[in-house]
């Protein structure tokens, strides 16, 4: 069975935007490597990564939420409708074998913090968390310094920052076998 990669990122980018193109390329590269793409199922980075995966012949899962009147984007093969945002996030996390984080706002920060903290505390199995680009780099470095000061060890050991979709795929193939 194919490994599932949950992709998190902003819902804001539109076709033609740099972030949209990056997510689309990421989806293509992940699909070519045999991974299934899972994401929140709506627009922006979610749409772009699913679109890239479909363009490469891959499979996609969109986890949507009933409180939004929107339906999943047209690139989603399988839609999972959840009752709440909390259930949606838990489903995105539980479904995945690894997580890829792209540029985003507070929603993406929540998704990153959720998987990072739950892995750090041993509440979910350790799975790869790959951040693409430098957007989160200063956040990660600040937390590393602060948490080392607290005597909690280097919790950033669970994170890998890469610069390209190709590098992301190589890291995931290495970590997932």
N, C-alpha and C. Protein backbone atom coordinates (compact mmCIF):
# COMPACT_ATOMS: atom_id res chain seq x y z
N UNK A 1 0.84 -1.19 0.00
CA UNK A 1 0.00 0.00 0.00
C UNK A 1 0.88 1.25 0.00
N UNK A 2 0.47 2.25 -0.72
CA UNK A 2 1.25 3.49 -0.84
C UNK A 2 1.24 4.28 0.46
N UNK A 3 2.34 4.94 0.72
CA UNK A 3 2.45 5.81 1.88
C UNK A 3 1.69 7.11 1.61
N UNK A 4 1.06 7.63 2.66
CA UNK A 4 0.27 8.86 2.56
C UNK A 4 1.04 10.01 3.16
N UNK A 5 1.09 11.12 2.42
CA UNK A 5 1.78 12.33 2.89
C UNK A 5 0.75 13.43 3.05
N UNK A 6 0.58 13.93 4.27
CA UNK A 6 -0.30 15.08 4.49
C UNK A 6 0.49 16.36 4.22
N UNK A 7 -0.07 17.19 3.36
CA UNK A 7 0.55 18.44 2.96
C UNK A 7 -0.24 19.58 3.59
N UNK A 8 0.46 20.43 4.34
CA UNK A 8 -0.16 21.59 4.99
C UNK A 8 0.38 22.88 4.40
N UNK A 9 -0.47 23.87 4.27
CA UNK A 9 -0.05 25.17 3.77
C UNK A 9 -1.23 26.09 3.58
N UNK A 10 -0.96 27.29 3.17
CA UNK A 10 -1.95 28.36 3.04
C UNK A 10 -3.04 28.05 2.02
N UNK A 11 -4.24 28.53 2.31
CA UNK A 11 -5.35 28.42 1.35
C UNK A 11 -5.38 29.63 0.41
N UNK A 12 -4.47 30.57 0.59
CA UNK A 12 -4.50 31.83 -0.16
C UNK A 12 -3.92 31.79 -1.57
N UNK A 13 -2.82 31.07 -1.83
CA UNK A 13 -2.22 31.13 -3.17
C UNK A 13 -3.19 30.73 -4.27
N UNK A 14 -3.07 31.40 -5.39
CA UNK A 14 -3.89 31.12 -6.57
C UNK A 14 -2.99 30.67 -7.71
N UNK A 15 -3.61 30.06 -8.70
CA UNK A 15 -2.86 29.60 -9.87
C UNK A 15 -1.99 30.73 -10.40
N UNK A 16 -0.73 30.41 -10.65
CA UNK A 16 0.23 31.41 -11.12
C UNK A 16 1.11 31.98 -10.02
N UNK A 17 0.65 31.94 -8.78
CA UNK A 17 1.46 32.42 -7.65
C UNK A 17 2.64 31.48 -7.41
N UNK A 18 3.73 32.04 -6.90
CA UNK A 18 4.94 31.26 -6.61
C UNK A 18 4.62 30.07 -5.68
N UNK A 19 3.87 30.32 -4.62
CA UNK A 19 3.56 29.26 -3.65
C UNK A 19 2.68 28.18 -4.26
N UNK A 20 1.77 28.59 -5.16
CA UNK A 20 0.91 27.62 -5.84
C UNK A 20 1.75 26.72 -6.73
N UNK A 21 2.65 27.32 -7.51
CA UNK A 21 3.51 26.54 -8.40
C UNK A 21 4.39 25.57 -7.62
N UNK A 22 4.92 26.03 -6.48
CA UNK A 22 5.75 25.17 -5.63
C UNK A 22 4.95 23.97 -5.13
N UNK A 23 3.74 24.21 -4.65
CA UNK A 23 2.89 23.12 -4.14
C UNK A 23 2.49 22.16 -5.26
N UNK A 24 2.23 22.70 -6.44
CA UNK A 24 1.87 21.88 -7.59
C UNK A 24 3.05 20.97 -7.97
N UNK A 25 4.24 21.54 -8.00
CA UNK A 25 5.44 20.75 -8.29
C UNK A 25 5.66 19.69 -7.21
N UNK A 26 5.43 20.07 -5.95
CA UNK A 26 5.57 19.12 -4.85
C UNK A 26 4.60 17.95 -5.04
N UNK A 27 3.35 18.24 -5.35
CA UNK A 27 2.37 17.19 -5.57
C UNK A 27 2.78 16.25 -6.70
N UNK A 28 3.29 16.82 -7.79
CA UNK A 28 3.76 16.01 -8.92
C UNK A 28 4.90 15.09 -8.49
N UNK A 29 5.89 15.67 -7.80
CA UNK A 29 7.07 14.88 -7.39
C UNK A 29 6.68 13.79 -6.39
N UNK A 30 5.80 14.09 -5.46
CA UNK A 30 5.37 13.08 -4.49
C UNK A 30 4.63 11.95 -5.20
N UNK A 31 3.74 12.30 -6.13
CA UNK A 31 2.99 11.28 -6.86
C UNK A 31 3.92 10.41 -7.71
N UNK A 32 4.88 11.03 -8.38
CA UNK A 32 5.83 10.27 -9.20
C UNK A 32 6.63 9.28 -8.35
N UNK A 33 6.83 9.64 -7.08
CA UNK A 33 7.56 8.75 -6.17
C UNK A 33 6.65 7.69 -5.55
N UNK A 34 5.36 7.72 -5.91
CA UNK A 34 4.44 6.70 -5.44
C UNK A 34 3.67 7.04 -4.18
N UNK A 35 3.78 8.27 -3.71
CA UNK A 35 3.06 8.67 -2.51
C UNK A 35 1.64 9.14 -2.83
N UNK A 36 0.73 8.95 -1.89
CA UNK A 36 -0.63 9.48 -1.97
C UNK A 36 -0.62 10.83 -1.25
N UNK A 37 -1.26 11.83 -1.85
CA UNK A 37 -1.33 13.17 -1.26
C UNK A 37 -2.61 13.28 -0.44
N UNK A 38 -2.48 13.76 0.78
CA UNK A 38 -3.63 14.04 1.64
C UNK A 38 -3.51 15.50 2.07
N UNK A 39 -4.62 16.23 2.03
CA UNK A 39 -4.60 17.61 2.52
C UNK A 39 -6.01 18.04 2.88
N UNK A 40 -6.18 19.31 3.19
CA UNK A 40 -7.48 19.82 3.64
C UNK A 40 -8.54 19.93 2.57
N UNK A 41 -8.19 19.64 1.32
CA UNK A 41 -9.19 19.49 0.28
C UNK A 41 -9.74 20.73 -0.38
N UNK A 42 -9.35 21.92 0.07
CA UNK A 42 -9.92 23.13 -0.50
C UNK A 42 -8.93 23.80 -1.46
N UNK A 43 -8.79 25.13 -1.38
CA UNK A 43 -7.99 25.87 -2.34
C UNK A 43 -6.56 26.10 -1.92
N UNK A 44 -5.88 26.95 -2.68
CA UNK A 44 -4.51 27.33 -2.37
C UNK A 44 -3.55 26.18 -2.50
N UNK A 45 -2.71 26.01 -1.50
CA UNK A 45 -1.70 24.95 -1.50
C UNK A 45 -2.35 23.57 -1.52
N UNK A 46 -3.53 23.47 -0.90
CA UNK A 46 -4.25 22.18 -0.91
C UNK A 46 -4.62 21.80 -2.35
N UNK A 47 -5.23 22.75 -3.06
CA UNK A 47 -5.60 22.50 -4.46
C UNK A 47 -4.37 22.23 -5.32
N UNK A 48 -3.35 23.06 -5.15
CA UNK A 48 -2.16 22.95 -6.00
C UNK A 48 -1.44 21.61 -5.81
N UNK A 49 -1.31 21.15 -4.57
CA UNK A 49 -0.61 19.87 -4.35
C UNK A 49 -1.43 18.71 -4.88
N UNK A 50 -2.75 18.76 -4.71
CA UNK A 50 -3.61 17.71 -5.26
C UNK A 50 -3.58 17.74 -6.79
N UNK A 51 -3.61 18.93 -7.35
CA UNK A 51 -3.57 19.07 -8.81
C UNK A 51 -2.28 18.50 -9.39
N UNK A 52 -1.15 18.85 -8.77
CA UNK A 52 0.13 18.31 -9.22
C UNK A 52 0.16 16.79 -9.15
N UNK A 53 -0.39 16.24 -8.08
CA UNK A 53 -0.42 14.79 -7.93
C UNK A 53 -1.28 14.15 -9.02
N UNK A 54 -2.44 14.73 -9.29
CA UNK A 54 -3.33 14.17 -10.33
C UNK A 54 -2.69 14.29 -11.71
N UNK A 55 -2.01 15.40 -11.97
CA UNK A 55 -1.34 15.58 -13.26
C UNK A 55 -0.26 14.53 -13.49
N UNK A 56 0.28 14.01 -12.40
CA UNK A 56 1.32 12.98 -12.49
C UNK A 56 0.74 11.57 -12.36
N UNK A 57 -0.60 11.47 -12.34
CA UNK A 57 -1.24 10.17 -12.25
C UNK A 57 -1.37 9.63 -10.84
N UNK A 58 -1.21 10.49 -9.84
CA UNK A 58 -1.27 10.05 -8.45
C UNK A 58 -2.67 10.07 -7.87
N UNK A 59 -2.74 9.66 -6.61
CA UNK A 59 -4.00 9.62 -5.87
C UNK A 59 -4.02 10.71 -4.81
N UNK A 60 -5.24 11.22 -4.53
CA UNK A 60 -5.38 12.31 -3.57
C UNK A 60 -6.54 12.06 -2.61
N UNK A 61 -6.36 12.56 -1.40
CA UNK A 61 -7.39 12.52 -0.37
C UNK A 61 -7.57 13.95 0.13
N UNK A 62 -8.82 14.39 0.25
CA UNK A 62 -9.11 15.70 0.81
C UNK A 62 -9.96 15.54 2.05
N UNK A 63 -9.48 16.08 3.17
CA UNK A 63 -10.22 16.01 4.42
C UNK A 63 -10.89 17.37 4.63
N UNK A 64 -12.21 17.40 4.45
CA UNK A 64 -12.96 18.64 4.55
C UNK A 64 -13.80 18.65 5.83
N UNK A 65 -14.47 19.75 6.06
CA UNK A 65 -15.23 19.89 7.30
C UNK A 65 -16.64 20.39 6.98
N UNK A 66 -17.64 19.83 7.64
CA UNK A 66 -19.04 20.12 7.36
C UNK A 66 -19.43 21.56 7.63
N UNK A 67 -18.72 22.26 8.53
CA UNK A 67 -19.12 23.64 8.84
C UNK A 67 -18.88 24.59 7.68
N UNK A 68 -18.03 24.19 6.73
CA UNK A 68 -17.83 24.99 5.52
C UNK A 68 -18.80 24.51 4.45
N UNK A 69 -19.40 25.43 3.76
CA UNK A 69 -20.36 25.04 2.72
C UNK A 69 -19.65 24.61 1.43
N UNK A 70 -18.36 24.82 1.37
CA UNK A 70 -17.59 24.47 0.17
C UNK A 70 -17.44 22.96 0.03
N UNK A 71 -17.23 22.55 -1.21
CA UNK A 71 -16.93 21.14 -1.48
C UNK A 71 -15.43 21.04 -1.79
N UNK A 72 -14.96 19.83 -1.80
CA UNK A 72 -13.54 19.60 -2.09
C UNK A 72 -13.22 20.06 -3.50
N UNK A 73 -11.96 20.45 -3.71
CA UNK A 73 -11.54 20.86 -5.05
C UNK A 73 -11.60 19.68 -6.01
N UNK A 74 -11.60 19.97 -7.30
CA UNK A 74 -11.82 18.95 -8.33
C UNK A 74 -10.67 17.95 -8.47
N UNK A 75 -9.58 18.19 -7.81
CA UNK A 75 -8.42 17.31 -7.91
C UNK A 75 -8.42 16.22 -6.83
N UNK A 76 -9.42 16.23 -5.97
CA UNK A 76 -9.51 15.26 -4.87
C UNK A 76 -10.23 14.00 -5.34
N UNK A 77 -9.59 12.84 -5.16
CA UNK A 77 -10.20 11.55 -5.50
C UNK A 77 -11.16 11.09 -4.43
N UNK A 78 -10.71 11.18 -3.19
CA UNK A 78 -11.51 10.69 -2.06
C UNK A 78 -11.68 11.82 -1.06
N UNK A 79 -12.91 12.19 -0.80
CA UNK A 79 -13.19 13.24 0.20
C UNK A 79 -13.63 12.58 1.50
N UNK A 80 -13.02 13.03 2.58
CA UNK A 80 -13.43 12.60 3.92
C UNK A 80 -14.03 13.84 4.59
N UNK A 81 -15.32 13.81 4.88
CA UNK A 81 -16.01 14.94 5.52
C UNK A 81 -15.99 14.73 7.03
N UNK A 82 -15.51 15.72 7.75
CA UNK A 82 -15.47 15.64 9.21
C UNK A 82 -16.46 16.65 9.81
N UNK A 83 -16.77 16.46 11.08
CA UNK A 83 -17.76 17.31 11.75
C UNK A 83 -17.18 18.63 12.23
N UNK A 84 -15.88 18.63 12.57
CA UNK A 84 -15.29 19.83 13.16
C UNK A 84 -13.85 20.00 12.68
N UNK A 85 -13.31 21.20 12.91
CA UNK A 85 -11.91 21.45 12.55
C UNK A 85 -10.97 20.57 13.35
N UNK A 86 -11.31 20.30 14.60
CA UNK A 86 -10.48 19.45 15.45
C UNK A 86 -10.44 18.02 14.88
N UNK A 87 -11.60 17.51 14.48
CA UNK A 87 -11.67 16.18 13.89
C UNK A 87 -10.93 16.15 12.55
N UNK A 88 -11.04 17.23 11.80
CA UNK A 88 -10.34 17.32 10.51
C UNK A 88 -8.83 17.22 10.71
N UNK A 89 -8.30 18.00 11.66
CA UNK A 89 -6.86 17.99 11.91
C UNK A 89 -6.41 16.61 12.39
N UNK A 90 -7.17 16.02 13.30
CA UNK A 90 -6.81 14.68 13.79
C UNK A 90 -6.78 13.67 12.64
N UNK A 91 -7.73 13.79 11.72
CA UNK A 91 -7.79 12.88 10.58
C UNK A 91 -6.60 13.08 9.66
N UNK A 92 -6.24 14.34 9.39
CA UNK A 92 -5.07 14.64 8.55
C UNK A 92 -3.79 14.07 9.16
N UNK A 93 -3.71 14.13 10.47
CA UNK A 93 -2.52 13.63 11.17
C UNK A 93 -2.52 12.10 11.22
N UNK A 94 -3.66 11.51 11.58
CA UNK A 94 -3.73 10.06 11.73
C UNK A 94 -3.58 9.31 10.41
N UNK A 95 -4.06 9.90 9.32
CA UNK A 95 -4.03 9.27 8.01
C UNK A 95 -2.61 9.19 7.44
N UNK A 96 -1.76 10.12 7.83
CA UNK A 96 -0.45 10.29 7.17
C UNK A 96 0.66 9.43 7.74
N UNK A 97 1.59 9.11 6.84
CA UNK A 97 2.84 8.46 7.21
C UNK A 97 3.95 9.49 7.39
N UNK A 98 3.71 10.72 6.87
CA UNK A 98 4.65 11.83 7.00
C UNK A 98 3.90 13.11 6.71
N UNK A 99 4.54 14.22 7.08
CA UNK A 99 3.92 15.55 6.94
C UNK A 99 4.87 16.48 6.19
N UNK A 100 4.30 17.25 5.27
CA UNK A 100 5.07 18.25 4.55
C UNK A 100 4.40 19.60 4.81
N UNK A 101 5.20 20.56 5.25
CA UNK A 101 4.68 21.87 5.62
C UNK A 101 5.23 22.92 4.66
N UNK A 102 4.34 23.68 4.05
CA UNK A 102 4.72 24.78 3.18
C UNK A 102 4.33 26.09 3.85
N UNK A 103 4.55 27.17 3.17
CA UNK A 103 4.24 28.50 3.70
C UNK A 103 2.75 28.59 4.05
N UNK A 104 2.47 29.21 5.18
CA UNK A 104 1.08 29.36 5.60
C UNK A 104 0.94 30.30 6.76
N UNK A 105 -0.27 30.45 7.23
CA UNK A 105 -0.58 31.35 8.34
C UNK A 105 -0.78 30.59 9.63
N UNK A 106 -1.70 31.09 10.46
CA UNK A 106 -1.90 30.50 11.78
C UNK A 106 -2.48 29.09 11.70
N UNK A 107 -3.29 28.81 10.68
CA UNK A 107 -3.81 27.45 10.52
C UNK A 107 -2.70 26.46 10.26
N UNK A 108 -1.77 26.84 9.40
CA UNK A 108 -0.62 25.98 9.10
C UNK A 108 0.29 25.86 10.32
N UNK A 109 0.45 26.96 11.04
CA UNK A 109 1.23 26.93 12.27
C UNK A 109 0.62 25.94 13.27
N UNK A 110 -0.71 25.96 13.38
CA UNK A 110 -1.40 25.02 14.26
C UNK A 110 -1.12 23.58 13.83
N UNK A 111 -1.20 23.31 12.53
CA UNK A 111 -0.96 21.96 12.02
C UNK A 111 0.47 21.51 12.31
N UNK A 112 1.43 22.39 12.06
CA UNK A 112 2.82 22.08 12.37
C UNK A 112 3.00 21.83 13.86
N UNK A 113 2.47 22.72 14.69
CA UNK A 113 2.62 22.60 16.14
C UNK A 113 1.98 21.31 16.66
N UNK A 114 0.85 20.96 16.12
CA UNK A 114 0.12 19.76 16.54
C UNK A 114 0.97 18.51 16.31
N UNK A 115 1.43 18.30 15.07
CA UNK A 115 2.20 17.08 14.80
C UNK A 115 3.54 17.11 15.53
N UNK A 116 4.16 18.26 15.57
CA UNK A 116 5.46 18.39 16.23
C UNK A 116 5.34 18.08 17.72
N UNK A 117 4.38 18.67 18.38
CA UNK A 117 4.21 18.46 19.82
C UNK A 117 3.79 17.03 20.14
N UNK A 118 2.87 16.49 19.37
CA UNK A 118 2.41 15.13 19.65
C UNK A 118 3.53 14.11 19.43
N UNK A 119 4.39 14.33 18.45
CA UNK A 119 5.55 13.46 18.26
C UNK A 119 6.55 13.69 19.39
N UNK A 120 6.80 14.96 19.71
CA UNK A 120 7.76 15.31 20.77
C UNK A 120 7.37 14.69 22.11
N UNK A 121 6.07 14.62 22.39
CA UNK A 121 5.59 14.07 23.66
C UNK A 121 5.29 12.58 23.58
N UNK A 122 5.54 11.96 22.42
CA UNK A 122 5.29 10.53 22.27
C UNK A 122 3.82 10.16 22.21
N UNK A 123 2.96 11.12 21.87
CA UNK A 123 1.51 10.87 21.82
C UNK A 123 1.09 10.24 20.49
N UNK A 124 1.91 10.42 19.47
CA UNK A 124 1.71 9.72 18.19
C UNK A 124 3.08 9.18 17.79
N UNK A 125 3.11 8.16 16.94
CA UNK A 125 4.40 7.62 16.52
C UNK A 125 5.24 8.66 15.80
N UNK A 126 6.55 8.54 15.92
CA UNK A 126 7.44 9.46 15.22
C UNK A 126 7.32 9.25 13.72
N UNK A 127 7.02 10.32 13.01
CA UNK A 127 6.88 10.31 11.56
C UNK A 127 7.64 11.53 11.03
N UNK A 128 8.13 11.45 9.80
CA UNK A 128 8.87 12.60 9.24
C UNK A 128 8.01 13.86 9.13
N UNK A 129 8.62 14.99 9.49
CA UNK A 129 8.02 16.31 9.28
C UNK A 129 9.03 17.08 8.44
N UNK A 130 8.62 17.43 7.22
CA UNK A 130 9.52 18.11 6.29
C UNK A 130 8.95 19.49 5.98
N UNK A 131 9.75 20.52 6.22
CA UNK A 131 9.36 21.89 5.91
C UNK A 131 10.06 22.31 4.63
N UNK A 132 9.29 22.80 3.65
CA UNK A 132 9.86 23.15 2.35
C UNK A 132 10.05 24.67 2.28
N UNK A 133 11.30 25.09 2.05
CA UNK A 133 11.62 26.51 1.97
C UNK A 133 12.03 27.07 3.32
N UNK A 134 12.31 28.36 3.34
CA UNK A 134 12.83 29.01 4.55
C UNK A 134 11.77 29.71 5.40
N UNK A 135 10.50 29.63 4.99
CA UNK A 135 9.45 30.38 5.68
C UNK A 135 9.42 30.09 7.18
N UNK A 136 9.52 28.83 7.58
CA UNK A 136 9.41 28.46 9.00
C UNK A 136 10.76 28.42 9.71
N UNK A 137 11.85 28.69 9.00
CA UNK A 137 13.20 28.53 9.56
C UNK A 137 13.41 29.33 10.85
N UNK A 138 13.03 30.59 10.87
CA UNK A 138 13.26 31.42 12.06
C UNK A 138 12.38 30.98 13.23
N UNK A 139 11.17 30.50 12.94
CA UNK A 139 10.29 29.99 13.99
C UNK A 139 10.93 28.76 14.63
N UNK A 140 11.41 27.87 13.80
CA UNK A 140 12.04 26.64 14.29
C UNK A 140 13.29 26.96 15.11
N UNK A 141 14.11 27.86 14.62
CA UNK A 141 15.34 28.21 15.33
C UNK A 141 15.04 28.87 16.68
N UNK A 142 14.06 29.75 16.71
CA UNK A 142 13.68 30.39 17.97
C UNK A 142 13.21 29.35 18.99
N UNK A 143 12.36 28.45 18.56
CA UNK A 143 11.87 27.41 19.46
C UNK A 143 12.98 26.48 19.91
N UNK A 144 13.90 26.17 19.00
CA UNK A 144 15.02 25.30 19.38
C UNK A 144 15.81 25.94 20.51
N UNK A 145 16.15 27.22 20.34
CA UNK A 145 16.92 27.92 21.37
C UNK A 145 16.16 28.00 22.69
N UNK A 146 14.89 28.35 22.64
CA UNK A 146 14.10 28.49 23.86
C UNK A 146 13.90 27.16 24.57
N UNK A 147 13.63 26.11 23.82
CA UNK A 147 13.37 24.82 24.44
C UNK A 147 14.65 24.17 24.96
N UNK A 148 15.78 24.45 24.33
CA UNK A 148 17.06 24.00 24.88
C UNK A 148 17.29 24.67 26.23
N UNK A 149 16.96 25.96 26.30
CA UNK A 149 17.11 26.71 27.55
C UNK A 149 16.27 26.09 28.65
N UNK A 150 15.09 25.58 28.31
CA UNK A 150 14.21 24.95 29.29
C UNK A 150 14.68 23.56 29.69
N UNK A 151 15.73 23.07 29.03
CA UNK A 151 16.26 21.75 29.38
C UNK A 151 15.48 20.60 28.76
N UNK A 152 14.75 20.87 27.69
CA UNK A 152 13.91 19.84 27.08
C UNK A 152 14.59 19.12 25.92
N UNK A 153 15.85 19.41 25.67
CA UNK A 153 16.54 18.79 24.54
C UNK A 153 16.17 19.47 23.24
N UNK A 154 16.75 19.00 22.18
CA UNK A 154 16.52 19.61 20.88
C UNK A 154 15.33 18.95 20.20
N UNK A 155 14.14 19.52 20.39
CA UNK A 155 12.93 18.95 19.78
C UNK A 155 12.89 19.19 18.28
N UNK A 156 13.81 20.01 17.75
CA UNK A 156 13.83 20.22 16.30
C UNK A 156 14.41 19.02 15.57
N UNK A 157 14.88 18.02 16.32
CA UNK A 157 15.40 16.80 15.68
C UNK A 157 14.31 16.09 14.88
N UNK A 158 13.05 16.40 15.14
CA UNK A 158 11.94 15.80 14.41
C UNK A 158 11.66 16.50 13.08
N UNK A 159 12.31 17.63 12.84
CA UNK A 159 12.03 18.45 11.66
C UNK A 159 13.19 18.41 10.68
N UNK A 160 12.86 18.42 9.39
CA UNK A 160 13.86 18.54 8.34
C UNK A 160 13.43 19.69 7.44
N UNK A 161 14.32 20.65 7.25
CA UNK A 161 14.03 21.77 6.35
C UNK A 161 14.76 21.51 5.03
N UNK A 162 13.99 21.56 3.93
CA UNK A 162 14.55 21.34 2.60
C UNK A 162 14.24 22.56 1.73
N UNK A 163 14.91 22.64 0.58
CA UNK A 163 14.74 23.81 -0.29
C UNK A 163 13.91 23.55 -1.53
N UNK A 164 13.59 22.29 -1.84
CA UNK A 164 12.89 22.01 -3.08
C UNK A 164 11.99 20.79 -2.93
N UNK A 165 10.99 20.66 -3.82
CA UNK A 165 10.17 19.46 -3.83
C UNK A 165 10.99 18.19 -4.05
N UNK A 166 12.01 18.27 -4.91
CA UNK A 166 12.84 17.10 -5.18
C UNK A 166 13.58 16.65 -3.92
N UNK A 167 14.13 17.62 -3.19
CA UNK A 167 14.83 17.31 -1.94
C UNK A 167 13.85 16.74 -0.91
N UNK A 168 12.64 17.27 -0.89
CA UNK A 168 11.61 16.77 0.02
C UNK A 168 11.34 15.29 -0.26
N UNK A 169 11.16 14.94 -1.52
CA UNK A 169 10.88 13.55 -1.91
C UNK A 169 12.05 12.65 -1.53
N UNK A 170 13.27 13.10 -1.75
CA UNK A 170 14.44 12.29 -1.38
C UNK A 170 14.46 12.01 0.12
N UNK A 171 14.18 13.03 0.92
CA UNK A 171 14.15 12.86 2.38
C UNK A 171 13.06 11.87 2.77
N UNK A 172 11.88 12.00 2.19
CA UNK A 172 10.78 11.11 2.53
C UNK A 172 11.07 9.68 2.11
N UNK A 173 11.65 9.48 0.94
CA UNK A 173 11.99 8.12 0.48
C UNK A 173 13.01 7.50 1.44
N UNK A 174 13.97 8.30 1.87
CA UNK A 174 14.99 7.80 2.79
C UNK A 174 14.36 7.44 4.14
N UNK A 175 13.53 8.31 4.66
CA UNK A 175 12.96 8.11 6.01
C UNK A 175 11.85 7.08 6.05
N UNK A 176 11.13 6.92 4.94
CA UNK A 176 10.00 5.99 4.93
C UNK A 176 10.35 4.63 4.32
N UNK A 177 11.55 4.53 3.77
CA UNK A 177 12.01 3.25 3.25
C UNK A 177 11.57 2.90 1.88
